[in-house]
Amino acid sequence: MTQRRTLVDGLKQTPEVAELERQFVYKEAEADKPTANANVAPKAPAATSDSDVMPQYKAKVPLTTRCTPQLLSQIKRASLQRQLLGIEQSSIQDIIEQALEEWLERHS
């Protein structure tokens, strides 16, 4: 049986892993490192409606809330009716997203 060692000792014995460990701990990425074209200014992000999105949100994220049973029943019924009629965006998620977007436009 081999002798157990601490994480620090293991990293000292495997120097190629030490760089990965440093990047992970300090949240450094390959994109952050200077390249051969360091004199070229980075491109500004395109001005889109997504410019207000926080950088940690790159895809759909879970959002949990509570609602009345009546509201849930109405949303579920609307979703099922839209599915039966073959209307796109018939999921509960799609309906709630659309309703929230419209509310935010009116109240922003």
Protein backbone atom coordinates (compact mmCIF):
# COMPACT_ATOMS: atom_id res chain seq x y z
CA MET A 1 0.00 0.00 0.00
CA THR A 2 1.33 3.42 -0.92
CA GLN A 3 1.93 6.17 1.56
CA ARG A 4 -0.80 8.83 1.64
CA ARG A 5 0.33 12.37 1.00
CA THR A 6 -1.20 15.79 1.35
CA LEU A 7 -2.60 17.67 -1.62
CA VAL A 8 0.17 20.25 -1.37
CA ASP A 9 2.84 17.55 -1.46
CA GLY A 10 1.16 15.91 -4.45
CA LEU A 11 1.07 19.20 -6.35
CA LYS A 12 4.76 19.80 -5.63
CA GLN A 13 5.60 16.40 -7.12
CA THR A 14 3.53 17.03 -10.28
CA PRO A 15 4.47 20.53 -11.52
CA GLU A 16 2.28 20.31 -14.67
CA VAL A 17 -0.77 20.11 -12.41
CA ALA A 18 0.34 23.11 -10.35
CA GLU A 19 -0.44 25.47 -13.25
CA LEU A 20 -3.93 24.00 -13.63
CA GLU A 21 -4.45 24.32 -9.89
CA ARG A 22 -3.42 27.99 -9.96
CA GLN A 23 -5.78 28.72 -12.87
CA PHE A 24 -8.64 27.00 -11.09
CA VAL A 25 -8.07 28.68 -7.72
CA TYR A 26 -7.64 32.17 -9.17
CA LYS A 27 -10.27 31.74 -11.92
CA GLU A 28 -7.81 32.38 -14.69
CA ALA A 29 -8.61 31.17 -18.16
CA GLU A 30 -6.59 30.73 -21.32
CA ALA A 31 -8.38 33.75 -22.81
CA ASP A 32 -7.00 35.95 -20.02
CA LYS A 33 -3.40 35.21 -20.94
CA PRO A 34 -1.65 37.59 -23.35
CA THR A 35 -1.18 36.23 -26.84
CA ALA A 36 1.31 36.95 -29.59
CA ASN A 37 -0.99 39.77 -30.77
CA ALA A 38 -0.95 41.54 -27.41
CA ASN A 39 -0.80 44.96 -29.12
CA VAL A 40 -4.14 44.40 -30.84
CA ALA A 41 -7.05 45.87 -28.88
CA PRO A 42 -9.73 43.34 -27.94
CA LYS A 43 -13.00 43.64 -29.81
CA ALA A 44 -15.80 45.34 -27.93
CA PRO A 45 -18.86 43.16 -27.35
CA ALA A 46 -21.61 43.66 -29.87
CA ALA A 47 -24.35 46.00 -28.72
CA THR A 48 -27.34 43.72 -28.39
CA SER A 49 -30.29 43.39 -26.11
CA ASP A 50 -28.21 40.86 -24.19
CA SER A 51 -25.78 43.57 -23.08
CA ASP A 52 -27.56 43.77 -19.73
CA VAL A 53 -26.96 40.09 -19.02
CA MET A 54 -24.61 39.38 -16.14
CA PRO A 55 -21.52 37.52 -17.36
CA GLN A 56 -22.11 34.48 -15.15
CA TYR A 57 -25.39 33.78 -16.97
CA LYS A 58 -24.52 32.29 -20.35
CA ALA A 59 -27.54 30.02 -20.78
CA LYS A 60 -30.95 29.56 -19.26
CA VAL A 61 -30.77 29.47 -15.49
CA PRO A 62 -33.26 28.09 -12.98
CA LEU A 63 -35.63 30.52 -11.32
CA THR A 64 -37.89 29.28 -8.55
CA THR A 65 -40.97 31.04 -7.25
CA ARG A 66 -44.26 30.26 -5.58
CA CYS A 67 -47.69 31.09 -6.94
CA THR A 68 -51.31 30.40 -6.14
CA PRO A 69 -52.88 27.12 -7.25
CA GLN A 70 -55.32 29.12 -9.40
CA LEU A 71 -52.48 30.84 -11.30
CA LEU A 72 -50.67 27.55 -11.85
CA SER A 73 -53.87 25.96 -13.13
CA GLN A 74 -54.42 28.82 -15.58
CA ILE A 75 -50.84 28.64 -16.87
CA LYS A 76 -51.00 24.86 -17.24
CA ARG A 77 -54.35 25.07 -19.03
CA ALA A 78 -53.01 27.73 -21.42
CA SER A 79 -49.94 25.61 -22.09
CA LEU A 80 -51.99 22.51 -22.88
CA GLN A 81 -54.41 24.44 -25.12
CA ARG A 82 -51.49 25.93 -27.08
CA GLN A 83 -49.94 22.46 -27.47
CA LEU A 84 -53.23 21.01 -28.76
CA LEU A 85 -53.57 23.86 -31.26
CA GLY A 86 -49.96 23.39 -32.40
CA ILE A 87 -48.92 26.89 -31.40
CA GLU A 88 -45.18 27.35 -30.94
CA GLN A 89 -43.91 28.44 -27.55
CA SER A 90 -46.50 26.49 -25.67
CA SER A 91 -44.44 25.39 -22.66
CA ILE A 92 -45.06 26.84 -19.22
CA GLN A 93 -41.53 28.25 -19.31
CA ASP A 94 -42.20 30.05 -22.61
CA ILE A 95 -45.47 31.54 -21.31
CA ILE A 96 -43.89 32.77 -18.07
CA GLU A 97 -40.84 34.20 -19.89
CA GLN A 98 -43.06 36.13 -22.31
CA ALA A 99 -45.25 37.46 -19.50
CA LEU A 100 -42.23 38.58 -17.46
CA GLU A 101 -40.59 40.25 -20.46
CA GLU A 102 -43.78 42.21 -21.20
CA TRP A 103 -44.13 43.22 -17.53
CA LEU A 104 -40.50 44.36 -17.36
CA GLU A 105 -40.87 46.42 -20.56
CA ARG A 106 -43.92 48.19 -19.13
CA HIS A 107 -42.39 48.81 -15.71
CA SER A 108 -38.81 49.71 -16.61
